Amino acid sequence: MVSIFSYLASCKLTMNLKQIKWRIKYAMQYFPFTLNTVLCALAIWGAKYLLYKPTPKGEMPSMTMPFVILMGKMGLWIFAGLVLLSVLSTIVCWVHYLIISRQTGLKLQVDFNVETRKGKKNKLFLNATLEKAWRPLLGFVNGRIVYDNNQLTDVFSLLSNRKKELGNQRTAITGRSRVMLPDIKEYDLKGGFIYFHDMLHLFSLAVAQPISGHFYQPPVLMEETDADVFPKKTQNLDVRIDQLRRVEGDLLNYKDFESGDDVRRIVWKVYAKNRELVVRVPEIFEPYASHLYYYASFHADIKADLLGEGYLKEMLNYYKNAVWTVYDSLSKKEWKLAYVPDQSFNIPESMEEAEKTARIISNSTWHDDKTLQQYFNPNYGTVLCISSLTDPVELSNLLEKCDASTVIYFVKVSNVMKHFAPLDWIARLIFLPPQDRLGRLRTRWTFSPLRIRIHRREKEIIKLLSKSPVVWGEL
């Protein structure tokens, strides 16, 4: 009982510390001064000290020194005037936006779109629009988005003007920026900030923005792989295939003898035993097929607390990229591709098939609900993706039902942890810690006992696939 209370107390303390940390970080967004403020103040003080330093008594200045000092003073005052003008303009624009946003309810409008180019990676872009706002003279307007659990995106700029169709009057300032987020998934918008900066970023005047909605980070293409695949089932009779597919007969390939049946197909063993005339039903071959059914299992036969949340996230990102790469490769075939997810999502039907599939893959997570045998149907599915977290026993039972017409892609998620360890250790020796989550995890992965466990499972899966009749590849 005491341990339970101590655990709850520690969880509460952790939550309180996170909340306090976020509140401090949130409040710091309104702090108007920056590092440039201190640096600029020191630079001005140094310039003033050099230019207005009195000449020591008894020392005769050179003939050109007064001219140099005069030009330096003029340059200093011109520069100080421009900076002051930019700062005053920033304050005016900030106050103007505060007034119109309170009067009209204007806020930052954001829109996310995925740019897909043939042969290139998917990229997520943010389009931001700020209506009726003024840009400071020689200054800048930037923004940030708050998403999920109070996470902040990098700062993006609003540098473009949107003008009226007739005339040169500016109606809004806009910006388009690439967004780089840590995980391939769907994110929730929680809010945002707009910052008004002067020309030297001496001041940062923030305005909170009530933004809500959803967006997702799409998977990206890896090195493509290819295999000969053929459909197994059809939804129409428009496409004829060269390789016929066998369809099982009724009642274990037997039926009662009827008038017109070929007597040569009578099963005399059954007649001798039961005195019933039955005939063997020949194998029926389906000459039509229209769809490639593509399955990708996200079932993970491992506890999250054993592997660690960070490792699972990075492995999931790698697996999603691999699943999307296989989908992109299959979509170039002559057959119509149908992706069968193992999780349910509410995706708008108006989306194109490729975009819809990318969003489904992005939203997918590791789960332990639907096993591999419950998910994949060998009679319909042509291609199956599995990961290193797949249960070998489940895979072994499934392979017994598959034949050479099934293509399986095995994604070794431990590959995401591959790195050149000596360089990483040298960097740590000179006190350069990894900057991102993946880099930090890679340094610990080398000595992690779970690394041996994952590698052992991968070897076991490869052994099962090698002994099976299926066509398989490794990613």
Protein backbone atom coordinates (compact mmCIF):
# COMPACT_ATOMS: atom_id res chain seq x y z
CA MET A 1 0.00 0.00 0.00
CA VAL A 2 2.84 2.36 0.88
CA SER A 3 4.54 1.63 -2.46
CA ILE A 4 1.32 2.45 -4.35
CA PHE A 5 0.98 5.79 -2.58
CA SER A 6 4.64 6.60 -3.18
CA TYR A 7 4.24 5.74 -6.89
CA LEU A 8 1.16 7.98 -7.19
CA ALA A 9 2.98 10.76 -5.37
CA SER A 10 5.96 10.51 -7.72
CA CYS A 11 3.64 10.59 -10.77
CA LYS A 12 1.89 13.65 -9.39
CA LEU A 13 5.23 15.33 -8.72
CA THR A 14 6.37 14.57 -12.28
CA MET A 15 3.15 16.05 -13.70
CA ASN A 16 3.51 19.14 -11.54
CA LEU A 17 7.11 19.61 -12.68
CA LYS A 18 6.04 19.31 -16.33
CA GLN A 19 3.25 21.81 -15.81
CA ILE A 20 5.57 24.24 -14.09
CA LYS A 21 8.15 23.84 -16.86
CA TRP A 22 5.50 24.49 -19.52
CA ARG A 23 4.14 27.56 -17.71
CA ILE A 24 7.63 29.04 -17.48
CA LYS A 25 8.22 28.28 -21.17
CA TYR A 26 4.83 29.78 -22.06
CA ALA A 27 5.50 32.93 -20.03
CA MET A 28 8.92 33.33 -21.67
CA GLN A 29 7.21 33.74 -25.05
CA TYR A 30 6.04 37.16 -23.82
CA PHE A 31 9.51 38.23 -22.65
CA PRO A 32 10.28 41.18 -24.95
CA PHE A 33 14.09 41.10 -24.79
CA THR A 34 16.41 38.76 -26.65
CA LEU A 35 20.10 37.90 -26.65
CA ASN A 36 20.54 40.42 -29.45
CA THR A 37 19.39 43.14 -27.04
CA VAL A 38 22.36 42.50 -24.77
CA LEU A 39 24.83 42.15 -27.65
CA CYS A 40 23.61 45.34 -29.31
CA ALA A 41 23.79 47.27 -26.03
CA LEU A 42 27.38 46.14 -25.53
CA ALA A 43 28.26 47.06 -29.12
CA ILE A 44 26.78 50.56 -28.77
CA TRP A 45 28.53 51.07 -25.45
CA GLY A 46 31.85 50.00 -27.00
CA ALA A 47 31.38 52.26 -30.03
CA LYS A 48 30.47 55.22 -27.83
CA TYR A 49 33.49 54.57 -25.63
CA LEU A 50 35.85 54.55 -28.63
CA LEU A 51 34.32 57.52 -30.42
CA TYR A 52 33.77 59.79 -27.43
CA LYS A 53 36.88 58.90 -25.49
CA PRO A 54 38.72 62.15 -24.58
CA THR A 55 42.20 62.66 -26.02
CA PRO A 56 44.89 62.24 -23.35
CA LYS A 57 46.60 65.47 -22.30
CA GLY A 58 49.87 66.24 -24.04
CA GLU A 59 49.11 63.83 -26.92
CA MET A 60 48.72 65.31 -30.37
CA PRO A 61 46.13 63.46 -32.51
CA SER A 62 46.96 62.62 -36.11
CA MET A 63 45.67 64.77 -38.94
CA THR A 64 43.10 62.20 -40.11
CA MET A 65 41.87 61.03 -36.70
CA PRO A 66 39.26 63.82 -36.22
CA PHE A 67 37.79 63.01 -39.64
CA VAL A 68 37.65 59.29 -38.85
CA ILE A 69 35.98 59.96 -35.51
CA LEU A 70 33.47 62.33 -37.13
CA MET A 71 32.55 59.74 -39.78
CA GLY A 72 32.27 57.07 -37.06
CA LYS A 73 29.92 59.29 -35.03
CA MET A 74 27.78 59.98 -38.07
CA GLY A 75 27.59 56.28 -38.91
CA LEU A 76 26.73 55.45 -35.31
CA TRP A 77 23.90 57.97 -35.15
CA ILE A 78 22.50 56.96 -38.55
CA PHE A 79 22.56 53.30 -37.52
CA ALA A 80 21.01 54.11 -34.11
CA GLY A 81 18.32 56.14 -35.87
CA LEU A 82 17.42 53.26 -38.19
CA VAL A 83 17.28 50.82 -35.27
CA LEU A 84 15.14 53.21 -33.24
CA LEU A 85 12.81 53.74 -36.20
CA SER A 86 12.47 49.98 -36.65
CA VAL A 87 11.78 49.48 -32.93
CA LEU A 88 9.11 52.20 -32.89
CA SER A 89 7.55 50.71 -36.02
CA THR A 90 7.50 47.28 -34.36
CA ILE A 91 5.68 48.66 -31.32
CA VAL A 92 3.12 50.44 -33.54
CA CYS A 93 2.44 47.29 -35.59
CA TRP A 94 2.12 45.19 -32.45
CA VAL A 95 -0.37 47.61 -30.85
CA HIS A 96 -2.30 47.86 -34.14
CA TYR A 97 -2.69 44.08 -34.33
CA LEU A 98 -3.76 43.85 -30.68
CA ILE A 99 -6.51 46.39 -31.33
CA ILE A 100 -7.89 44.86 -34.55
CA SER A 101 -7.70 41.29 -33.21
CA ARG A 102 -9.77 42.24 -30.18
CA GLN A 103 -12.26 44.23 -32.22
CA THR A 104 -12.74 41.80 -35.12
CA GLY A 105 -11.58 38.48 -33.67
CA LEU A 106 -8.87 38.03 -36.30
CA LYS A 107 -6.37 35.26 -35.70
CA LEU A 108 -3.57 33.45 -37.45
CA GLN A 109 -4.87 31.11 -40.15
CA VAL A 110 -2.82 27.99 -40.79
CA ASP A 111 -3.13 25.27 -43.37
CA PHE A 112 -0.98 22.17 -43.73
CA ASN A 113 -0.42 20.41 -47.01
CA VAL A 114 1.74 17.51 -48.10
CA GLU A 115 3.84 17.99 -51.21
CA THR A 116 4.37 14.74 -53.07
CA ARG A 117 6.79 14.60 -55.98
CA LYS A 118 7.58 11.58 -58.06
CA GLY A 119 10.83 10.01 -56.91
CA LYS A 120 11.19 12.40 -53.97
CA LYS A 121 10.23 12.38 -50.33
CA ASN A 122 6.91 13.66 -49.04
CA LYS A 123 7.25 17.06 -47.42
CA LEU A 124 4.92 18.77 -44.97
CA PHE A 125 4.45 22.51 -45.49
CA LEU A 126 2.74 25.11 -43.34
CA ASN A 127 0.85 27.95 -45.02
CA ALA A 128 0.18 30.82 -42.60
CA THR A 129 -1.91 33.95 -43.18
CA LEU A 130 -2.32 36.99 -40.94
CA GLU A 131 -5.16 39.24 -42.07
CA LYS A 132 -4.94 43.07 -41.86
CA ALA A 133 -1.62 42.97 -40.03
CA TRP A 134 1.20 45.45 -40.62
CA ARG A 135 4.80 44.41 -41.00
CA PRO A 136 7.28 46.60 -39.07
CA LEU A 137 9.51 48.92 -41.04
CA LEU A 138 12.72 46.98 -41.70
CA GLY A 139 11.31 44.36 -39.32
CA PHE A 140 9.80 40.89 -39.37
CA VAL A 141 6.70 38.95 -38.35
CA ASN A 142 7.22 35.36 -37.20
CA GLY A 143 5.07 32.66 -35.69
CA ARG A 144 5.07 29.38 -33.78
CA ILE A 145 2.49 26.64 -33.36
CA VAL A 146 1.65 24.81 -30.12
CA TYR A 147 0.70 21.17 -30.70
CA ASP A 148 -0.07 17.98 -28.76
CA ASN A 149 1.27 18.07 -25.19
CA ASN A 150 2.30 21.74 -25.28
CA GLN A 151 5.07 21.21 -27.81
CA LEU A 152 6.31 24.16 -29.89
CA THR A 153 7.30 24.08 -33.55
CA ASP A 154 10.28 25.98 -34.88
CA VAL A 155 9.77 29.65 -35.68
CA PHE A 156 8.40 30.32 -39.17
CA SER A 157 8.35 33.62 -41.06
CA LEU A 158 5.57 35.59 -42.74
CA LEU A 159 7.43 37.44 -45.48
CA SER A 160 4.97 37.67 -48.38
CA ASN A 161 2.21 40.17 -49.05
CA ARG A 162 -1.27 39.32 -50.26
CA LYS A 163 -2.82 42.17 -52.20
CA LYS A 164 -6.25 42.91 -53.57
CA GLU A 165 -7.12 41.66 -57.03
CA LEU A 166 -7.47 45.25 -58.23
CA GLY A 167 -4.90 47.58 -56.78
CA ASN A 168 -1.73 47.34 -54.73
CA GLN A 169 -3.30 47.58 -51.29
CA ARG A 170 -2.02 44.87 -48.99
CA THR A 171 -4.72 42.78 -47.26
CA ALA A 172 -2.61 40.24 -45.38
CA ILE A 173 0.89 38.94 -44.81
CA THR A 174 1.56 35.27 -45.55
CA GLY A 175 4.30 32.69 -45.26
CA ARG A 176 5.09 29.16 -46.38
CA SER A 177 7.53 27.03 -44.41
CA ARG A 178 8.67 23.42 -44.24
CA VAL A 179 7.63 21.71 -41.01
CA MET A 180 9.90 19.06 -39.48
CA LEU A 181 8.37 17.09 -36.59
CA PRO A 182 9.82 14.13 -34.67
CA ASP A 183 7.14 11.50 -35.34
CA ILE A 184 5.06 10.32 -38.28
CA LYS A 185 1.55 10.66 -36.89
CA GLU A 186 -1.44 12.99 -36.57
CA TYR A 187 -1.01 16.04 -34.37
CA ASP A 188 -3.52 18.25 -32.53
CA LEU A 189 -3.24 22.02 -32.73
CA LYS A 190 -3.41 23.64 -29.30
CA GLY A 191 -2.65 27.28 -30.13
CA GLY A 192 0.11 29.53 -31.40
CA PHE A 193 2.04 32.79 -31.14
CA ILE A 194 2.76 35.73 -33.42
CA TYR A 195 5.98 37.71 -32.84
CA PHE A 196 6.74 41.22 -34.08
CA HIS A 197 10.49 41.80 -34.44
CA ASP A 198 12.57 44.84 -35.34
CA MET A 199 15.39 44.74 -37.87
CA LEU A 200 17.97 43.39 -35.40
CA HIS A 201 15.57 41.21 -33.38
CA LEU A 202 16.26 43.35 -30.33
CA PHE A 203 12.66 43.02 -29.19
CA SER A 204 10.13 40.21 -29.55
CA LEU A 205 6.54 41.33 -28.97
CA ALA A 206 4.25 38.29 -28.80
CA VAL A 207 0.50 37.82 -29.31
CA ALA A 208 -1.16 34.50 -28.42
CA GLN A 209 -3.32 32.90 -31.13
CA PRO A 210 -6.31 30.58 -30.46
CA ILE A 211 -5.65 27.93 -33.11
CA SER A 212 -7.27 24.48 -33.20
CA GLY A 213 -7.46 21.57 -35.63
CA HIS A 214 -5.45 18.58 -36.79
CA PHE A 215 -2.62 17.85 -39.17
CA TYR A 216 -0.38 14.88 -39.84
CA GLN A 217 3.25 14.24 -40.70
CA PRO A 218 3.38 11.90 -43.73
CA PRO A 219 5.75 8.95 -44.18
CA VAL A 220 8.67 9.36 -46.56
CA LEU A 221 10.11 7.10 -49.23
CA MET A 222 13.07 4.86 -48.50
CA GLU A 223 15.14 2.91 -51.01
CA GLU A 224 12.57 1.24 -53.24
CA THR A 225 12.32 -2.52 -53.65
CA ASP A 226 10.38 -4.55 -56.19
CA ALA A 227 8.91 -8.03 -56.59
CA ASP A 228 6.69 -9.83 -59.07
CA VAL A 229 3.18 -9.81 -57.65
CA PHE A 230 -0.17 -10.95 -59.01
CA PRO A 231 -3.72 -10.41 -57.74
CA LYS A 232 -5.53 -13.31 -56.06
CA LYS A 233 -9.13 -12.09 -56.08
CA THR A 234 -11.31 -9.95 -58.30
CA GLN A 235 -14.01 -7.37 -57.84
CA ASN A 236 -14.90 -7.18 -61.52
CA LEU A 237 -14.30 -9.06 -64.79
CA ASP A 238 -12.50 -6.29 -66.62
CA VAL A 239 -8.92 -7.48 -66.20
CA ARG A 240 -7.74 -10.92 -67.26
CA ILE A 241 -4.55 -12.37 -65.77
CA ASP A 242 -1.99 -14.65 -67.38
CA GLN A 243 -1.38 -16.79 -64.31
CA LEU A 244 -4.60 -18.60 -63.29
CA ARG A 245 -5.54 -18.79 -59.61
CA ARG A 246 -6.96 -21.97 -58.09
CA VAL A 247 -10.36 -21.84 -56.37
CA GLU A 248 -11.37 -24.68 -54.07
CA GLY A 249 -14.42 -26.84 -54.95
CA ASP A 250 -17.48 -27.48 -52.75
CA LEU A 251 -17.71 -30.08 -49.97
CA LEU A 252 -14.01 -30.87 -49.90
CA ASN A 253 -13.88 -31.18 -53.69
CA TYR A 254 -16.67 -33.83 -53.84
CA LYS A 255 -20.37 -33.72 -54.78
CA ASP A 256 -23.20 -36.19 -55.43
CA PHE A 257 -23.31 -37.85 -58.83
CA GLU A 258 -25.80 -36.25 -61.20
CA SER A 259 -26.98 -36.97 -64.72
CA GLY A 260 -24.43 -35.65 -67.15
CA ASP A 261 -21.42 -35.98 -64.84
CA ASP A 262 -18.34 -37.70 -66.18
CA VAL A 263 -18.32 -41.29 -64.87
CA ARG A 264 -14.54 -41.21 -64.92
CA ARG A 265 -14.65 -38.78 -61.97
CA ILE A 266 -16.63 -41.15 -59.72
CA VAL A 267 -14.82 -41.82 -56.45
CA TRP A 268 -15.09 -45.63 -56.20
CA LYS A 269 -13.51 -45.72 -52.76
CA VAL A 270 -16.39 -43.73 -51.37
CA TYR A 271 -18.91 -45.95 -53.21
CA ALA A 272 -17.34 -49.12 -51.83
CA LYS A 273 -17.52 -47.72 -48.30
CA ASN A 274 -20.88 -45.90 -48.24
CA ARG A 275 -22.63 -47.16 -51.37
CA GLU A 276 -22.99 -43.51 -52.48
CA LEU A 277 -22.03 -42.23 -55.88
CA VAL A 278 -19.96 -39.07 -55.60
CA VAL A 279 -17.74 -37.38 -58.15
CA ARG A 280 -14.56 -35.40 -57.71
CA VAL A 281 -14.95 -31.70 -58.51
CA PRO A 282 -12.09 -30.47 -60.68
CA GLU A 283 -10.03 -27.50 -59.60
CA ILE A 284 -11.55 -24.28 -60.83
CA PHE A 285 -9.18 -21.63 -62.09
CA GLU A 286 -10.17 -17.98 -61.89
CA PRO A 287 -8.98 -16.19 -65.04
CA TYR A 288 -9.84 -12.70 -63.79
CA ALA A 289 -8.30 -10.49 -61.14
CA SER A 290 -8.42 -6.75 -60.56
CA HIS A 291 -6.91 -5.80 -57.20
CA LEU A 292 -3.67 -6.23 -55.30
CA TYR A 293 -4.53 -6.45 -51.61
CA TYR A 294 -1.72 -5.01 -49.53
CA TYR A 295 -1.54 -5.74 -45.79
CA ALA A 296 0.82 -4.22 -43.22
CA SER A 297 0.69 -5.51 -39.66
CA PHE A 298 1.40 -3.15 -36.76
CA HIS A 299 0.99 -5.91 -34.18
CA ALA A 300 3.82 -5.76 -31.63
CA ASP A 301 4.50 -8.78 -29.47
CA ILE A 302 6.55 -6.90 -26.91
CA LYS A 303 5.76 -4.76 -23.89
CA ALA A 304 6.33 -1.04 -24.27
CA ASP A 305 7.88 -0.69 -20.82
CA LEU A 306 10.52 -3.31 -21.69
CA LEU A 307 11.66 -1.62 -24.87
CA GLY A 308 11.06 1.99 -23.92
CA GLU A 309 8.73 4.59 -25.42
CA GLY A 310 11.50 6.38 -27.32
CA TYR A 311 12.72 3.20 -29.02
CA LEU A 312 9.16 2.24 -29.99
CA LYS A 313 8.51 5.65 -31.52
CA GLU A 314 11.66 5.63 -33.65
CA MET A 315 11.05 2.03 -34.76
CA LEU A 316 7.46 2.94 -35.61
CA ASN A 317 8.61 5.87 -37.76
CA TYR A 318 11.04 3.60 -39.61
CA TYR A 319 8.37 0.95 -40.12
CA LYS A 320 5.85 3.49 -41.46
CA ASN A 321 8.39 4.75 -43.99
CA ALA A 322 9.00 1.18 -45.12
CA VAL A 323 5.27 0.43 -45.41
CA TRP A 324 4.75 3.58 -47.46
CA THR A 325 7.74 2.75 -49.70
CA VAL A 326 6.27 -0.67 -50.50
CA TYR A 327 2.89 0.95 -51.21
CA ASP A 328 4.50 3.46 -53.57
CA SER A 329 6.32 0.65 -55.39
CA LEU A 330 3.15 -1.45 -55.73
CA SER A 331 1.13 1.53 -56.94
CA LYS A 332 3.29 1.60 -60.08
CA LYS A 333 2.07 -1.87 -61.09
CA GLU A 334 -0.65 -2.37 -63.67
CA TRP A 335 -3.09 -3.64 -61.02
CA LYS A 336 -5.32 -1.52 -58.87
CA LEU A 337 -3.85 -1.42 -55.35
CA ALA A 338 -6.02 -1.75 -52.23
CA TYR A 339 -4.44 -1.17 -48.81
CA VAL A 340 -6.08 -3.08 -45.93
CA PRO A 341 -5.33 -1.41 -42.54
CA ASP A 342 -5.36 -3.32 -39.26
CA GLN A 343 -6.79 -0.34 -37.35
CA SER A 344 -9.89 1.81 -37.82
CA PHE A 345 -9.70 5.53 -38.58
CA ASN A 346 -12.14 8.23 -39.62
CA ILE A 347 -10.61 9.41 -42.89
CA PRO A 348 -12.55 11.66 -45.30
CA GLU A 349 -13.74 9.68 -48.30
CA SER A 350 -13.11 12.66 -50.58
CA MET A 351 -9.34 12.13 -50.35
CA GLU A 352 -7.44 10.50 -53.16
CA GLU A 353 -6.48 6.89 -52.55
CA ALA A 354 -2.74 7.58 -52.12
CA GLU A 355 -3.32 10.50 -49.73
CA LYS A 356 -5.87 8.47 -47.80
CA THR A 357 -3.43 5.58 -47.43
CA ALA A 358 -0.60 7.92 -46.34
CA ARG A 359 -2.83 9.33 -43.61
CA ILE A 360 -3.89 5.86 -42.44
CA ILE A 361 -0.26 4.76 -42.24
CA SER A 362 0.67 7.96 -40.38
CA ASN A 363 -2.07 7.40 -37.78
CA SER A 364 -1.26 3.72 -37.23
CA THR A 365 0.38 2.69 -33.97
CA TRP A 366 1.86 -0.42 -32.42
CA HIS A 367 -0.92 -2.53 -30.91
CA ASP A 368 -1.64 -5.98 -29.45
CA ASP A 369 -5.32 -6.28 -30.42
CA LYS A 370 -5.45 -7.99 -33.81
CA THR A 371 -2.96 -10.80 -34.28
CA LEU A 372 -1.24 -11.57 -37.57
CA GLN A 373 -3.48 -14.56 -38.31
CA GLN A 374 -6.63 -12.59 -37.51
CA TYR A 375 -5.51 -9.80 -39.82
CA PHE A 376 -3.99 -11.37 -42.93
CA ASN A 377 -6.07 -13.55 -45.25
CA PRO A 378 -3.79 -15.63 -47.53
CA ASN A 379 -6.66 -16.25 -49.97
CA TYR A 380 -7.05 -12.53 -50.67
CA GLY A 381 -3.83 -10.83 -49.64
CA THR A 382 -0.98 -10.65 -52.11
CA VAL A 383 1.57 -8.58 -50.17
CA LEU A 384 2.19 -8.51 -46.42
CA CYS A 385 4.53 -6.28 -44.40
CA ILE A 386 5.78 -7.47 -41.02
CA SER A 387 8.22 -5.98 -38.52
CA SER A 388 10.82 -7.23 -36.05
CA LEU A 389 8.14 -7.02 -33.34
CA THR A 390 6.04 -9.74 -35.00
CA ASP A 391 5.37 -12.88 -32.96
CA PRO A 392 7.39 -15.74 -34.54
CA VAL A 393 4.80 -18.33 -33.47
CA GLU A 394 2.01 -16.39 -35.19
CA LEU A 395 4.16 -16.01 -38.28
CA SER A 396 4.97 -19.72 -38.37
CA ASN A 397 1.28 -20.66 -38.23
CA LEU A 398 0.45 -18.17 -40.95
CA LEU A 399 3.21 -19.36 -43.30
CA GLU A 400 1.70 -22.84 -43.28
CA LYS A 401 -1.34 -21.38 -45.09
CA CYS A 402 0.64 -19.36 -47.65
CA ASP A 403 2.13 -20.40 -50.97
CA ALA A 404 4.53 -18.96 -53.52
CA SER A 405 1.96 -16.38 -54.65
CA THR A 406 2.32 -14.50 -51.34
CA VAL A 407 4.95 -11.77 -51.09
CA ILE A 408 6.19 -10.80 -47.62
CA TYR A 409 8.36 -7.79 -46.82
CA PHE A 410 10.24 -8.09 -43.55
CA VAL A 411 11.16 -4.70 -42.05
CA LYS A 412 14.08 -4.91 -39.63
CA VAL A 413 13.20 -1.96 -37.39
CA SER A 414 16.54 -2.29 -35.59
CA ASN A 415 18.12 -0.75 -38.71
CA VAL A 416 16.93 2.66 -37.50
CA MET A 417 19.50 2.37 -34.69
CA LYS A 418 22.44 1.74 -37.02
CA HIS A 419 25.20 4.32 -36.72
CA PHE A 420 28.98 4.58 -36.79
CA ALA A 421 29.66 4.10 -33.08
CA PRO A 422 33.32 5.30 -32.96
CA LEU A 423 32.40 8.75 -34.31
CA ASP A 424 29.58 9.00 -31.79
CA TRP A 425 31.85 8.07 -28.90
CA ILE A 426 34.44 10.63 -30.01
CA ALA A 427 31.73 13.28 -30.07
CA ARG A 428 30.70 12.34 -26.55
CA LEU A 429 34.30 12.56 -25.37
CA ILE A 430 34.46 16.21 -26.41
CA PHE A 431 31.16 16.89 -24.64
CA LEU A 432 28.87 17.14 -27.65
CA PRO A 433 25.62 15.43 -26.61
CA PRO A 434 23.22 14.30 -29.38
CA GLN A 435 20.80 17.01 -30.37
CA ASP A 436 17.79 14.83 -31.29
CA ARG A 437 15.96 11.91 -29.72
CA LEU A 438 17.19 9.38 -32.27
CA GLY A 439 20.82 10.38 -31.69
CA ARG A 440 20.45 9.97 -27.93
CA LEU A 441 18.80 6.57 -28.32
CA ARG A 442 21.51 5.34 -30.68
CA THR A 443 24.22 6.02 -28.11
CA ARG A 444 22.37 3.86 -25.57
CA TRP A 445 21.35 1.14 -28.04
CA THR A 446 24.88 -0.24 -28.35
CA PHE A 447 24.90 -1.36 -24.71
CA SER A 448 21.18 -2.09 -24.36
CA PRO A 449 20.28 -5.72 -23.45
CA LEU A 450 17.16 -5.34 -25.60
CA ARG A 451 19.35 -5.04 -28.70
CA ILE A 452 20.32 -8.73 -28.35
CA ARG A 453 16.68 -9.70 -27.87
CA ILE A 454 15.51 -7.84 -30.98
CA HIS A 455 18.36 -9.20 -33.12
CA ARG A 456 17.60 -12.75 -31.94
CA ARG A 457 13.96 -12.35 -32.96
CA GLU A 458 14.94 -10.97 -36.36
CA LYS A 459 17.14 -14.00 -37.01
CA GLU A 460 14.28 -16.28 -36.03
CA ILE A 461 11.87 -14.52 -38.42
CA ILE A 462 14.39 -14.70 -41.29
CA LYS A 463 14.84 -18.43 -40.64
CA LEU A 464 11.07 -19.00 -40.81
CA LEU A 465 10.73 -17.01 -44.03
CA SER A 466 13.65 -18.84 -45.65
CA LYS A 467 12.05 -22.22 -45.01
CA SER A 468 8.60 -21.15 -46.27
CA PRO A 469 7.46 -21.20 -49.92
CA VAL A 470 6.61 -17.48 -49.95
CA VAL A 471 8.54 -14.82 -51.83
CA TRP A 472 10.08 -12.47 -49.31
CA GLY A 473 12.36 -9.48 -49.11
CA GLU A 474 14.07 -7.49 -46.39
CA LEU A 475 13.88 -3.76 -45.75
